[in-house]
């Protein structure tokens, strides 16, 4: 997944996108634990040659659960960091007008956008 923050709205929306990603990780983990790490497929009968693999499914289940917990926790941490950074950036942005003199020059032409950035109309 590619995430690009190009403006304030993208930045404000980012925590929600990360929360959705965490929910998807939890869903994937639940599916894997329920359907992938199943013992019953390897225990159809006492003489099944694959029966020893049933025990390995316990380890597979534990690995999926640990990976899922880690992913959800890391994404929650990331959301907190993004929200904290957003508050700092917004506070800094709000403080800028107090630091700069007010200049009005309605007759001056607009400056061109720097290379690589779109022109603002």
PDB file of N, CA and C in Angstrom:
ATOM      1  N   UNK A   1       0.845  -1.165   0.000  1.00  0.00           N
ATOM      2  CA  UNK A   1       0.000   0.000   0.000  1.00  0.00           C
ATOM      3  C   UNK A   1       0.897   1.237   0.000  1.00  0.00           C
ATOM      4  N   UNK A   2       0.578   2.171  -0.860  1.00  0.00           N
ATOM      5  CA  UNK A   2       1.297   3.437  -0.904  1.00  0.00           C
ATOM      6  C   UNK A   2       0.430   4.510  -0.266  1.00  0.00           C
ATOM      7  N   UNK A   3       1.025   5.269   0.625  1.00  0.00           N
ATOM      8  CA  UNK A   3       0.331   6.386   1.260  1.00  0.00           C
ATOM      9  C   UNK A   3       1.119   7.650   0.974  1.00  0.00           C
ATOM     10  N   UNK A   4       0.433   8.642   0.464  1.00  0.00           N
ATOM     11  CA  UNK A   4       1.080   9.913   0.191  1.00  0.00           C
ATOM     12  C   UNK A   4       0.340  11.004   0.950  1.00  0.00           C
ATOM     13  N   UNK A   5       1.076  11.825   1.650  1.00  0.00           N
ATOM     14  CA  UNK A   5       0.488  12.955   2.361  1.00  0.00           C
ATOM     15  C   UNK A   5       0.890  14.202   1.597  1.00  0.00           C
ATOM     16  N   UNK A   6      -0.074  14.744   0.857  1.00  0.00           N
ATOM     17  CA  UNK A   6       0.202  15.907   0.012  1.00  0.00           C
ATOM     18  C   UNK A   6      -0.374  17.198   0.588  1.00  0.00           C
ATOM     19  N   UNK A   7      -1.335  17.043   1.515  1.00  0.00           N
ATOM     20  CA  UNK A   7      -1.962  18.243   2.067  1.00  0.00           C
ATOM     21  C   UNK A   7      -2.493  17.940   3.464  1.00  0.00           C
ATOM     22  N   UNK A   8      -3.084  18.964   4.084  1.00  0.00           N
ATOM     23  CA  UNK A   8      -3.578  18.816   5.458  1.00  0.00           C
ATOM     24  C   UNK A   8      -4.631  17.719   5.563  1.00  0.00           C
ATOM     25  N   UNK A   9      -5.509  17.641   4.586  1.00  0.00           N
ATOM     26  CA  UNK A   9      -6.574  16.629   4.650  1.00  0.00           C
ATOM     27  C   UNK A   9      -5.999  15.217   4.603  1.00  0.00           C
ATOM     28  N   UNK A  10      -4.977  15.000   3.782  1.00  0.00           N
ATOM     29  CA  UNK A  10      -4.326  13.681   3.749  1.00  0.00           C
ATOM     30  C   UNK A  10      -3.741  13.346   5.114  1.00  0.00           C
ATOM     31  N   UNK A  11      -3.104  14.340   5.729  1.00  0.00           N
ATOM     32  CA  UNK A  11      -2.482  14.115   7.035  1.00  0.00           C
ATOM     33  C   UNK A  11      -3.543  13.813   8.090  1.00  0.00           C
ATOM     34  N   UNK A  12      -4.648  14.521   8.047  1.00  0.00           N
ATOM     35  CA  UNK A  12      -5.722  14.289   9.032  1.00  0.00           C
ATOM     36  C   UNK A  12      -6.413  12.942   8.803  1.00  0.00           C
ATOM     37  N   UNK A  13      -6.424  12.483   7.563  1.00  0.00           N
ATOM     38  CA  UNK A  13      -7.069  11.215   7.220  1.00  0.00           C
ATOM     39  C   UNK A  13      -6.173  10.010   7.512  1.00  0.00           C
ATOM     40  N   UNK A  14      -4.880  10.228   7.593  1.00  0.00           N
ATOM     41  CA  UNK A  14      -3.911   9.140   7.744  1.00  0.00           C
ATOM     42  C   UNK A  14      -4.176   8.232   8.946  1.00  0.00           C
ATOM     43  N   UNK A  15      -4.477   8.748  10.142  1.00  0.00           N
ATOM     44  CA  UNK A  15      -4.752   7.836  11.256  1.00  0.00           C
ATOM     45  C   UNK A  15      -5.905   6.872  10.972  1.00  0.00           C
ATOM     46  N   UNK A  16      -6.937   7.338  10.298  1.00  0.00           N
ATOM     47  CA  UNK A  16      -8.053   6.459   9.944  1.00  0.00           C
ATOM     48  C   UNK A  16      -7.637   5.369   8.977  1.00  0.00           C
ATOM     49  N   UNK A  17      -6.796   5.736   8.008  1.00  0.00           N
ATOM     50  CA  UNK A  17      -6.290   4.749   7.047  1.00  0.00           C
ATOM     51  C   UNK A  17      -5.452   3.697   7.777  1.00  0.00           C
ATOM     52  N   UNK A  18      -4.628   4.144   8.708  1.00  0.00           N
ATOM     53  CA  UNK A  18      -3.807   3.203   9.481  1.00  0.00           C
ATOM     54  C   UNK A  18      -4.671   2.321  10.382  1.00  0.00           C
ATOM     55  N   UNK A  19      -5.743   2.881  10.937  1.00  0.00           N
ATOM     56  CA  UNK A  19      -6.674   2.072  11.732  1.00  0.00           C
ATOM     57  C   UNK A  19      -7.338   1.000  10.869  1.00  0.00           C
ATOM     58  N   UNK A  20      -7.719   1.361   9.643  1.00  0.00           N
ATOM     59  CA  UNK A  20      -8.297   0.377   8.716  1.00  0.00           C
ATOM     60  C   UNK A  20      -7.290  -0.725   8.413  1.00  0.00           C
ATOM     61  N   UNK A  21      -6.038  -0.345   8.235  1.00  0.00           N
ATOM     62  CA  UNK A  21      -4.987  -1.326   7.967  1.00  0.00           C
ATOM     63  C   UNK A  21      -4.818  -2.268   9.153  1.00  0.00           C
ATOM     64  N   UNK A  22      -4.877  -1.731  10.362  1.00  0.00           N
ATOM     65  CA  UNK A  22      -4.779  -2.571  11.564  1.00  0.00           C
ATOM     66  C   UNK A  22      -5.955  -3.537  11.637  1.00  0.00           C
ATOM     67  N   UNK A  23      -7.145  -3.068  11.284  1.00  0.00           N
ATOM     68  CA  UNK A  23      -8.320  -3.948  11.282  1.00  0.00           C
ATOM     69  C   UNK A  23      -8.154  -5.061  10.250  1.00  0.00           C
ATOM     70  N   UNK A  24      -7.589  -4.730   9.096  1.00  0.00           N
ATOM     71  CA  UNK A  24      -7.328  -5.751   8.080  1.00  0.00           C
ATOM     72  C   UNK A  24      -6.309  -6.768   8.584  1.00  0.00           C
ATOM     73  N   UNK A  25      -5.278  -6.295   9.269  1.00  0.00           N
ATOM     74  CA  UNK A  25      -4.273  -7.210   9.830  1.00  0.00           C
ATOM     75  C   UNK A  25      -4.916  -8.146  10.845  1.00  0.00           C
ATOM     76  N   UNK A  26      -5.812  -7.614  11.662  1.00  0.00           N
ATOM     77  CA  UNK A  26      -6.508  -8.452  12.645  1.00  0.00           C
ATOM     78  C   UNK A  26      -7.391  -9.480  11.944  1.00  0.00           C
ATOM     79  N   UNK A  27      -8.069  -9.075  10.873  1.00  0.00           N
ATOM     80  CA  UNK A  27      -8.907 -10.010  10.114  1.00  0.00           C
ATOM     81  C   UNK A  27      -8.075 -11.109   9.463  1.00  0.00           C
ATOM     82  N   UNK A  28      -6.942 -10.731   8.890  1.00  0.00           N
ATOM     83  CA  UNK A  28      -6.055 -11.718   8.258  1.00  0.00           C
ATOM     84  C   UNK A  28      -5.545 -12.700   9.300  1.00  0.00           C
ATOM     85  N   UNK A  29      -5.175 -12.186  10.456  1.00  0.00           N
ATOM     86  CA  UNK A  29      -4.695 -13.046  11.541  1.00  0.00           C
ATOM     87  C   UNK A  29      -5.785 -14.014  11.975  1.00  0.00           C
ATOM     88  N   UNK A  30      -6.994 -13.511  12.155  1.00  0.00           N
ATOM     89  CA  UNK A  30      -8.105 -14.375  12.571  1.00  0.00           C
ATOM     90  C   UNK A  30      -8.356 -15.468  11.538  1.00  0.00           C
ATOM     91  N   UNK A  31      -8.304 -15.110  10.264  1.00  0.00           N
ATOM     92  CA  UNK A  31      -8.494 -16.106   9.204  1.00  0.00           C
ATOM     93  C   UNK A  31      -7.382 -17.159   9.246  1.00  0.00           C
ATOM     94  N   UNK A  32      -6.155 -16.701   9.369  1.00  0.00           N
ATOM     95  CA  UNK A  32      -5.023 -17.637   9.388  1.00  0.00           C
ATOM     96  C   UNK A  32      -5.094 -18.577  10.583  1.00  0.00           C
ATOM     97  N   UNK A  33      -5.437 -18.041  11.737  1.00  0.00           N
ATOM     98  CA  UNK A  33      -5.519 -18.868  12.947  1.00  0.00           C
ATOM     99  C   UNK A  33      -6.660 -19.882  12.820  1.00  0.00           C
ATOM    100  N   UNK A  34      -7.771 -19.448  12.230  1.00  0.00           N
ATOM    101  CA  UNK A  34      -8.941 -20.319  12.115  1.00  0.00           C
ATOM    102  C   UNK A  34      -8.807 -21.351  11.001  1.00  0.00           C
ATOM    103  N   UNK A  35      -8.307 -20.927   9.841  1.00  0.00           N
ATOM    104  CA  UNK A  35      -8.357 -21.802   8.670  1.00  0.00           C
ATOM    105  C   UNK A  35      -7.014 -22.340   8.195  1.00  0.00           C
ATOM    106  N   UNK A  36      -5.933 -21.658   8.462  1.00  0.00           N
ATOM    107  CA  UNK A  36      -4.628 -22.121   7.982  1.00  0.00           C
ATOM    108  C   UNK A  36      -3.967 -23.037   9.004  1.00  0.00           C
ATOM    109  N   UNK A  37      -3.975 -22.632  10.252  1.00  0.00           N
ATOM    110  CA  UNK A  37      -3.270 -23.386  11.300  1.00  0.00           C
ATOM    111  C   UNK A  37      -4.196 -24.418  11.955  1.00  0.00           C
ATOM    112  N   UNK A  38      -4.780 -25.279  11.150  1.00  0.00           N
ATOM    113  CA  UNK A  38      -5.734 -26.273  11.654  1.00  0.00           C
ATOM    114  C   UNK A  38      -5.060 -27.624  11.824  1.00  0.00           C
ATOM    115  N   UNK A  39      -5.298 -28.207  12.949  1.00  0.00           N
ATOM    116  CA  UNK A  39      -4.778 -29.557  13.214  1.00  0.00           C
ATOM    117  C   UNK A  39      -5.621 -30.622  12.525  1.00  0.00           C
ATOM    118  N   UNK A  40      -6.928 -30.381  12.426  1.00  0.00           N
ATOM    119  CA  UNK A  40      -7.838 -31.446  12.003  1.00  0.00           C
ATOM    120  C   UNK A  40      -7.548 -32.008  10.612  1.00  0.00           C
ATOM    121  N   UNK A  41      -6.934 -31.235   9.745  1.00  0.00           N
ATOM    122  CA  UNK A  41      -6.591 -31.749   8.421  1.00  0.00           C
ATOM    123  C   UNK A  41      -5.495 -32.798   8.459  1.00  0.00           C
ATOM    124  N   UNK A  42      -4.747 -32.818   9.532  1.00  0.00           N
ATOM    125  CA  UNK A  42      -3.645 -33.770   9.663  1.00  0.00           C
ATOM    126  C   UNK A  42      -3.964 -34.896  10.642  1.00  0.00           C
ATOM    127  N   UNK A  43      -5.178 -34.890  11.160  1.00  0.00           N
ATOM    128  CA  UNK A  43      -5.560 -35.910  12.139  1.00  0.00           C
ATOM    129  C   UNK A  43      -6.813 -36.675  11.717  1.00  0.00           C
ATOM    130  N   UNK A  44      -6.930 -37.046  10.422  1.00  0.00           N
ATOM    131  CA  UNK A  44      -8.157 -37.739  10.017  1.00  0.00           C
ATOM    132  C   UNK A  44      -8.267 -39.145  10.609  1.00  0.00           C
ATOM    133  N   UNK A  45      -7.136 -39.758  10.851  1.00  0.00           N
ATOM    134  CA  UNK A  45      -7.161 -41.097  11.454  1.00  0.00           C
ATOM    135  C   UNK A  45      -5.852 -41.314  12.201  1.00  0.00           C
ATOM    136  N   UNK A  46      -5.832 -42.271  13.121  1.00  0.00           N
ATOM    137  CA  UNK A  46      -4.609 -42.527  13.888  1.00  0.00           C
ATOM    138  C   UNK A  46      -3.431 -43.001  13.032  1.00  0.00           C
ATOM    139  N   UNK A  47      -3.703 -43.497  11.829  1.00  0.00           N
ATOM    140  CA  UNK A  47      -2.618 -44.013  10.989  1.00  0.00           C
ATOM    141  C   UNK A  47      -2.234 -43.053   9.858  1.00  0.00           C
ATOM    142  N   UNK A  48      -2.751 -41.847   9.883  1.00  0.00           N
ATOM    143  CA  UNK A  48      -2.441 -40.856   8.847  1.00  0.00           C
ATOM    144  C   UNK A  48      -0.948 -40.527   8.889  1.00  0.00           C
ATOM    145  N   UNK A  49      -0.296 -40.603   7.725  1.00  0.00           N
ATOM    146  CA  UNK A  49       1.140 -40.332   7.654  1.00  0.00           C
ATOM    147  C   UNK A  49       1.467 -38.863   7.935  1.00  0.00           C
ATOM    148  N   UNK A  50       0.512 -37.991   7.738  1.00  0.00           N
ATOM    149  CA  UNK A  50       0.745 -36.563   7.969  1.00  0.00           C
ATOM    150  C   UNK A  50       0.428 -36.143   9.401  1.00  0.00           C
ATOM    151  N   UNK A  51       0.010 -37.073  10.227  1.00  0.00           N
ATOM    152  CA  UNK A  51      -0.395 -36.767  11.603  1.00  0.00           C
ATOM    153  C   UNK A  51       0.662 -35.960  12.378  1.00  0.00           C
ATOM    154  N   UNK A  52       1.965 -36.222  12.217  1.00  0.00           N
ATOM    155  CA  UNK A  52       2.956 -35.420  12.951  1.00  0.00           C
ATOM    156  C   UNK A  52       2.896 -33.919  12.619  1.00  0.00           C
ATOM    157  N   UNK A  53       2.373 -33.577  11.447  1.00  0.00           N
ATOM    158  CA  UNK A  53       2.264 -32.161  11.089  1.00  0.00           C
ATOM    159  C   UNK A  53       1.198 -31.440  11.909  1.00  0.00           C
ATOM    160  N   UNK A  54       0.266 -32.183  12.472  1.00  0.00           N
ATOM    161  CA  UNK A  54      -0.783 -31.555  13.282  1.00  0.00           C
ATOM    162  C   UNK A  54      -0.169 -30.785  14.439  1.00  0.00           C
ATOM    163  N   UNK A  55       0.823 -31.359  15.065  1.00  0.00           N
ATOM    164  CA  UNK A  55       1.484 -30.691  16.187  1.00  0.00           C
ATOM    165  C   UNK A  55       2.181 -29.407  15.733  1.00  0.00           C
ATOM    166  N   UNK A  56       2.707 -29.430  14.518  1.00  0.00           N
ATOM    167  CA  UNK A  56       3.381 -28.239  13.986  1.00  0.00           C
ATOM    168  C   UNK A  56       2.397 -27.082  13.794  1.00  0.00           C
ATOM    169  N   UNK A  57       1.134 -27.402  13.601  1.00  0.00           N
ATOM    170  CA  UNK A  57       0.130 -26.351  13.408  1.00  0.00           C
ATOM    171  C   UNK A  57      -0.026 -25.485  14.655  1.00  0.00           C
ATOM    172  N   UNK A  58       0.271 -26.037  15.824  1.00  0.00           N
ATOM    173  CA  UNK A  58       0.232 -25.225  17.043  1.00  0.00           C
ATOM    174  C   UNK A  58       1.273 -24.108  16.970  1.00  0.00           C
ATOM    175  N   UNK A  59       2.453 -24.443  16.459  1.00  0.00           N
ATOM    176  CA  UNK A  59       3.498 -23.432  16.277  1.00  0.00           C
ATOM    177  C   UNK A  59       3.131 -22.422  15.207  1.00  0.00           C
ATOM    178  N   UNK A  60       2.511 -22.902  14.135  1.00  0.00           N
ATOM    179  CA  UNK A  60       2.066 -22.004  13.066  1.00  0.00           C
ATOM    180  C   UNK A  60       1.015 -21.035  13.612  1.00  0.00           C
ATOM    181  N   UNK A  61       0.082 -21.569  14.396  1.00  0.00           N
ATOM    182  CA  UNK A  61      -0.959 -20.729  15.003  1.00  0.00           C
ATOM    183  C   UNK A  61      -0.320 -19.659  15.896  1.00  0.00           C
ATOM    184  N   UNK A  62       0.615 -20.075  16.736  1.00  0.00           N
ATOM    185  CA  UNK A  62       1.276 -19.131  17.649  1.00  0.00           C
ATOM    186  C   UNK A  62       2.027 -18.051  16.867  1.00  0.00           C
ATOM    187  N   UNK A  63       2.658 -18.440  15.761  1.00  0.00           N
ATOM    188  CA  UNK A  63       3.393 -17.468  14.944  1.00  0.00           C
ATOM    189  C   UNK A  63       2.439 -16.454  14.312  1.00  0.00           C
ATOM    190  N   UNK A  64       1.320 -16.938  13.776  1.00  0.00           N
ATOM    191  CA  UNK A  64       0.329 -16.019  13.204  1.00  0.00           C
ATOM    192  C   UNK A  64      -0.215 -15.072  14.268  1.00  0.00           C
ATOM    193  N   UNK A  65      -0.522 -15.600  15.447  1.00  0.00           N
ATOM    194  CA  UNK A  65      -1.054 -14.759  16.524  1.00  0.00           C
ATOM    195  C   UNK A  65      -0.041 -13.693  16.943  1.00  0.00           C
ATOM    196  N   UNK A  66       1.220 -14.088  17.077  1.00  0.00           N
ATOM    197  CA  UNK A  66       2.261 -13.127  17.467  1.00  0.00           C
ATOM    198  C   UNK A  66       2.449 -12.054  16.390  1.00  0.00           C
ATOM    199  N   UNK A  67       2.468 -12.481  15.124  1.00  0.00           N
ATOM    200  CA  UNK A  67       2.629 -11.519  14.030  1.00  0.00           C
ATOM    201  C   UNK A  67       1.447 -10.553  13.982  1.00  0.00           C
ATOM    202  N   UNK A  68       0.250 -11.071  14.185  1.00  0.00           N
ATOM    203  CA  UNK A  68      -0.938 -10.218  14.176  1.00  0.00           C
ATOM    204  C   UNK A  68      -0.923  -9.208  15.311  1.00  0.00           C
ATOM    205  N   UNK A  69      -0.575  -9.678  16.515  1.00  0.00           N
ATOM    206  CA  UNK A  69      -0.498  -8.758  17.664  1.00  0.00           C
ATOM    207  C   UNK A  69       0.539  -7.672  17.415  1.00  0.00           C
ATOM    208  N   UNK A  70       1.684  -8.070  16.879  1.00  0.00           N
ATOM    209  CA  UNK A  70       2.756  -7.106  16.606  1.00  0.00           C
ATOM    210  C   UNK A  70       2.309  -6.076  15.568  1.00  0.00           C
ATOM    211  N   UNK A  71       1.689  -6.538  14.489  1.00  0.00           N
ATOM    212  CA  UNK A  71       1.246  -5.616  13.435  1.00  0.00           C
ATOM    213  C   UNK A  71       0.241  -4.606  13.977  1.00  0.00           C
ATOM    214  N   UNK A  72      -0.742  -5.087  14.724  1.00  0.00           N
ATOM    215  CA  UNK A  72      -1.772  -4.192  15.264  1.00  0.00           C
ATOM    216  C   UNK A  72      -1.156  -3.198  16.251  1.00  0.00           C
ATOM    217  N   UNK A  73      -0.258  -3.675  17.103  1.00  0.00           N
ATOM    218  CA  UNK A  73       0.384  -2.788  18.087  1.00  0.00           C
ATOM    219  C   UNK A  73       1.265  -1.746  17.396  1.00  0.00           C
ATOM    220  N   UNK A  74       2.021  -2.166  16.388  1.00  0.00           N
ATOM    221  CA  UNK A  74       2.891  -1.224  15.671  1.00  0.00           C
ATOM    222  C   UNK A  74       2.069  -0.166  14.939  1.00  0.00           C
ATOM    223  N   UNK A  75       0.960  -0.577  14.342  1.00  0.00           N
ATOM    224  CA  UNK A  75       0.110   0.391  13.649  1.00  0.00           C
ATOM    225  C   UNK A  75      -0.530   1.364  14.638  1.00  0.00           C
ATOM    226  N   UNK A  76      -0.931   0.875  15.803  1.00  0.00           N
ATOM    227  CA  UNK A  76      -1.493   1.767  16.832  1.00  0.00           C
ATOM    228  C   UNK A  76      -0.441   2.774  17.286  1.00  0.00           C
ATOM    229  N   UNK A  77       0.785   2.310  17.440  1.00  0.00           N
ATOM    230  CA  UNK A  77       1.898   3.197  17.801  1.00  0.00           C
ATOM    231  C   UNK A  77       2.113   4.260  16.720  1.00  0.00           C
ATOM    232  N   UNK A  78       2.054   3.817  15.479  1.00  0.00           N
ATOM    233  CA  UNK A  78       2.240   4.730  14.353  1.00  0.00           C
ATOM    234  C   UNK A  78       1.138   5.787  14.326  1.00  0.00           C
ATOM    235  N   UNK A  79      -0.098   5.374  14.602  1.00  0.00           N
ATOM    236  CA  UNK A  79      -1.211   6.330  14.652  1.00  0.00           C
ATOM    237  C   UNK A  79      -0.949   7.387  15.719  1.00  0.00           C
ATOM    238  N   UNK A  80      -0.517   6.959  16.889  1.00  0.00           N
ATOM    239  CA  UNK A  80      -0.220   7.923  17.958  1.00  0.00           C
ATOM    240  C   UNK A  80       0.879   8.892  17.527  1.00  0.00           C
ATOM    241  N   UNK A  81       1.901   8.377  16.874  1.00  0.00           N
ATOM    242  CA  UNK A  81       2.988   9.233  16.399  1.00  0.00           C
ATOM    243  C   UNK A  81       2.529  10.224  15.347  1.00  0.00           C
ATOM    244  N   UNK A  82       1.705   9.759  14.411  1.00  0.00           N
ATOM    245  CA  UNK A  82       1.181  10.651  13.368  1.00  0.00           C
ATOM    246  C   UNK A  82       0.307  11.736  13.990  1.00  0.00           C
ATOM    247  N   UNK A  83      -0.529  11.351  14.945  1.00  0.00           N
ATOM    248  CA  UNK A  83      -1.391  12.347  15.595  1.00  0.00           C
ATOM    249  C   UNK A  83      -0.570  13.372  16.374  1.00  0.00           C
ATOM    250  N   UNK A  84       0.458  12.922  17.070  1.00  0.00           N
ATOM    251  CA  UNK A  84       1.323  13.852  17.815  1.00  0.00           C
ATOM    252  C   UNK A  84       2.067  14.777  16.850  1.00  0.00           C
ATOM    253  N   UNK A  85       2.608  14.212  15.776  1.00  0.00           N
ATOM    254  CA  UNK A  85       3.328  15.025  14.790  1.00  0.00           C
ATOM    255  C   UNK A  85       2.389  16.031  14.129  1.00  0.00           C
ATOM    256  N   UNK A  86       1.169  15.611  13.855  1.00  0.00           N
ATOM    257  CA  UNK A  86       0.184  16.516  13.247  1.00  0.00           C
ATOM    258  C   UNK A  86      -0.089  17.705  14.156  1.00  0.00           C
ATOM    259  N   UNK A  87      -0.236  17.438  15.443  1.00  0.00           N
ATOM    260  CA  UNK A  87      -0.472  18.545  16.390  1.00  0.00           C
ATOM    261  C   UNK A  87       0.701  19.529  16.386  1.00  0.00           C
ATOM    262  N   UNK A  88       1.918  19.014  16.368  1.00  0.00           N
ATOM    263  CA  UNK A  88       3.105  19.877  16.362  1.00  0.00           C
ATOM    264  C   UNK A  88       3.171  20.683  15.064  1.00  0.00           C
ATOM    265  N   UNK A  89       2.933  20.027  13.944  1.00  0.00           N
ATOM    266  CA  UNK A  89       2.986  20.715  12.647  1.00  0.00           C
ATOM    267  C   UNK A  89       1.907  21.790  12.568  1.00  0.00           C
ATOM    268  N   UNK A  90       0.693  21.455  13.018  1.00  0.00           N
ATOM    269  CA  UNK A  90      -0.391  22.443  12.979  1.00  0.00           C
ATOM    270  C   UNK A  90      -0.097  23.631  13.893  1.00  0.00           C
ATOM    271  N   UNK A  91       0.465  23.369  15.066  1.00  0.00           N
ATOM    272  CA  UNK A  91       0.819  24.460  15.983  1.00  0.00           C
ATOM    273  C   UNK A  91       1.906  25.338  15.371  1.00  0.00           C
ATOM    274  N   UNK A  92       2.898  24.716  14.748  1.00  0.00           N
ATOM    275  CA  UNK A  92       3.967  25.482  14.092  1.00  0.00           C
ATOM    276  C   UNK A  92       3.405  26.309  12.946  1.00  0.00           C
ATOM    277  N   UNK A  93       2.538  25.700  12.166  1.00  0.00           N
ATOM    278  CA  UNK A  93       1.940  26.400  11.037  1.00  0.00           C
ATOM    279  C   UNK A  93       1.104  27.586  11.516  1.00  0.00           C
ATOM    280  N   UNK A  94       0.370  27.389  12.598  1.00  0.00           N
ATOM    281  CA  UNK A  94      -0.457  28.472  13.137  1.00  0.00           C
ATOM    282  C   UNK A  94       0.395  29.606  13.705  1.00  0.00           C
ATOM    283  N   UNK A  95       1.606  29.302  14.161  1.00  0.00           N
ATOM    284  CA  UNK A  95       2.477  30.317  14.755  1.00  0.00           C
ATOM    285  C   UNK A  95       3.212  31.156  13.710  1.00  0.00           C
ATOM    286  N   UNK A  96       3.278  30.696  12.485  1.00  0.00           N
ATOM    287  CA  UNK A  96       4.045  31.395  11.452  1.00  0.00           C
ATOM    288  C   UNK A  96       3.567  32.824  11.224  1.00  0.00           C
ATOM    289  N   UNK A  97       2.282  33.095  11.093  1.00  0.00           N
ATOM    290  CA  UNK A  97       1.867  34.487  10.829  1.00  0.00           C
ATOM    291  C   UNK A  97       2.345  35.476  11.890  1.00  0.00           C
ATOM    292  N   UNK A  98       2.465  35.042  13.129  1.00  0.00           N
ATOM    293  CA  UNK A  98       2.924  35.949  14.186  1.00  0.00           C
ATOM    294  C   UNK A  98       4.408  36.275  14.037  1.00  0.00           C
ATOM    295  N   UNK A  99       5.143  35.439  13.330  1.00  0.00           N
ATOM    296  CA  UNK A  99       6.591  35.627  13.167  1.00  0.00           C
ATOM    297  C   UNK A  99       6.947  36.435  11.923  1.00  0.00           C
ATOM    298  N   UNK A 100       6.024  36.568  11.004  1.00  0.00           N
ATOM    299  CA  UNK A 100       6.322  37.220   9.734  1.00  0.00           C
ATOM    300  C   UNK A 100       5.540  38.520   9.605  1.00  0.00           C
ATOM    301  N   UNK A 101       6.146  39.503   8.956  1.00  0.00           N
ATOM    302  CA  UNK A 101       5.399  40.741   8.726  1.00  0.00           C
ATOM    303  C   UNK A 101       4.311  40.503   7.677  1.00  0.00           C
ATOM    304  N   UNK A 102       3.269  41.287   7.760  1.00  0.00           N
ATOM    305  CA  UNK A 102       2.194  41.186   6.780  1.00  0.00           C
ATOM    306  C   UNK A 102       2.560  42.050   5.584  1.00  0.00           C
ATOM    307  N   UNK A 103       2.525  41.458   4.422  1.00  0.00           N
ATOM    308  CA  UNK A 103       2.851  42.174   3.191  1.00  0.00           C
ATOM    309  C   UNK A 103       1.661  42.036   2.259  1.00  0.00           C
ATOM    310  N   UNK A 104       1.198  43.147   1.766  1.00  0.00           N
ATOM    311  CA  UNK A 104       0.119  43.102   0.777  1.00  0.00           C
ATOM    312  C   UNK A 104       0.629  43.758  -0.486  1.00  0.00           C
ATOM    313  N   UNK A 105       0.505  43.082  -1.559  1.00  0.00           N
ATOM    314  CA  UNK A 105       0.952  43.599  -2.843  1.00  0.00           C
ATOM    315  C   UNK A 105       0.046  43.018  -3.920  1.00  0.00           C
ATOM    316  N   UNK A 106      -1.170  43.535  -4.036  1.00  0.00           N
ATOM    317  CA  UNK A 106      -2.128  42.956  -4.980  1.00  0.00           C
ATOM    318  C   UNK A 106      -1.705  43.084  -6.440  1.00  0.00           C
ATOM    319  N   UNK A 107      -0.799  44.017  -6.751  1.00  0.00           N
ATOM    320  CA  UNK A 107      -0.414  44.207  -8.146  1.00  0.00           C
ATOM    321  C   UNK A 107       0.749  43.325  -8.573  1.00  0.00           C
ATOM    322  N   UNK A 108       1.359  42.600  -7.643  1.00  0.00           N
ATOM    323  CA  UNK A 108       2.490  41.751  -8.005  1.00  0.00           C
ATOM    324  C   UNK A 108       1.996  40.430  -8.578  1.00  0.00           C
ATOM    325  N   UNK A 109       2.688  39.931  -9.608  1.00  0.00           N
ATOM    326  CA  UNK A 109       2.276  38.631 -10.173  1.00  0.00           C
ATOM    327  C   UNK A 109       2.640  37.499  -9.201  1.00  0.00           C
ATOM    328  N   UNK A 110       1.923  36.411  -9.317  1.00  0.00           N
ATOM    329  CA  UNK A 110       2.204  35.242  -8.481  1.00  0.00           C
ATOM    330  C   UNK A 110       3.533  34.626  -8.907  1.00  0.00           C
ATOM    331  N   UNK A 111       4.249  34.101  -7.964  1.00  0.00           N
ATOM    332  CA  UNK A 111       5.509  33.426  -8.272  1.00  0.00           C
ATOM    333  C   UNK A 111       5.223  32.059  -8.873  1.00  0.00           C
ATOM    334  N   UNK A 112       6.081  31.619  -9.799  1.00  0.00           N
ATOM    335  CA  UNK A 112       5.874  30.280 -10.362  1.00  0.00           C
ATOM    336  C   UNK A 112       6.157  29.211  -9.301  1.00  0.00           C
ATOM    337  N   UNK A 113       5.521  28.081  -9.458  1.00  0.00           N
ATOM    338  CA  UNK A 113       5.741  26.971  -8.527  1.00  0.00           C
ATOM    339  C   UNK A 113       7.149  26.426  -8.724  1.00  0.00           C
ATOM    340  N   UNK A 114       7.780  25.937  -7.664  1.00  0.00           N
ATOM    341  CA  UNK A 114       9.095  25.310  -7.804  1.00  0.00           C
ATOM    342  C   UNK A 114       9.002  24.104  -8.741  1.00  0.00           C
ATOM    343  N   UNK A 115      10.116  23.724  -9.359  1.00  0.00           N
ATOM    344  CA  UNK A 115      10.105  22.579 -10.276  1.00  0.00           C
ATOM    345  C   UNK A 115       9.555  21.332  -9.581  1.00  0.00           C
ATOM    346  N   UNK A 116       8.681  20.635 -10.279  1.00  0.00           N
ATOM    347  CA  UNK A 116       8.126  19.398  -9.748  1.00  0.00           C
ATOM    348  C   UNK A 116       6.827  19.570  -8.988  1.00  0.00           C
ATOM    349  N   UNK A 117       6.442  20.812  -8.682  1.00  0.00           N
ATOM    350  CA  UNK A 117       5.189  21.047  -7.968  1.00  0.00           C
ATOM    351  C   UNK A 117       4.170  21.659  -8.925  1.00  0.00           C
ATOM    352  N   UNK A 118       2.889  21.336  -8.730  1.00  0.00           N
ATOM    353  CA  UNK A 118       1.875  21.887  -9.640  1.00  0.00           C
ATOM    354  C   UNK A 118       1.667  23.378  -9.401  1.00  0.00           C
ATOM    355  N   UNK A 119       1.266  24.060 -10.454  1.00  0.00           N
ATOM    356  CA  UNK A 119       0.941  25.481 -10.352  1.00  0.00           C
ATOM    357  C   UNK A 119      -0.351  25.630  -9.563  1.00  0.00           C
ATOM    358  N   UNK A 120      -0.432  26.661  -8.755  1.00  0.00           N
ATOM    359  CA  UNK A 120      -1.643  26.950  -7.995  1.00  0.00           C
ATOM    360  C   UNK A 120      -2.364  28.090  -8.685  1.00  0.00           C
ATOM    361  N   UNK A 121      -3.639  27.888  -8.968  1.00  0.00           N
ATOM    362  CA  UNK A 121      -4.402  28.915  -9.690  1.00  0.00           C
ATOM    363  C   UNK A 121      -4.888  29.988  -8.747  1.00  0.00           C
TER     364      UNK A 121
END
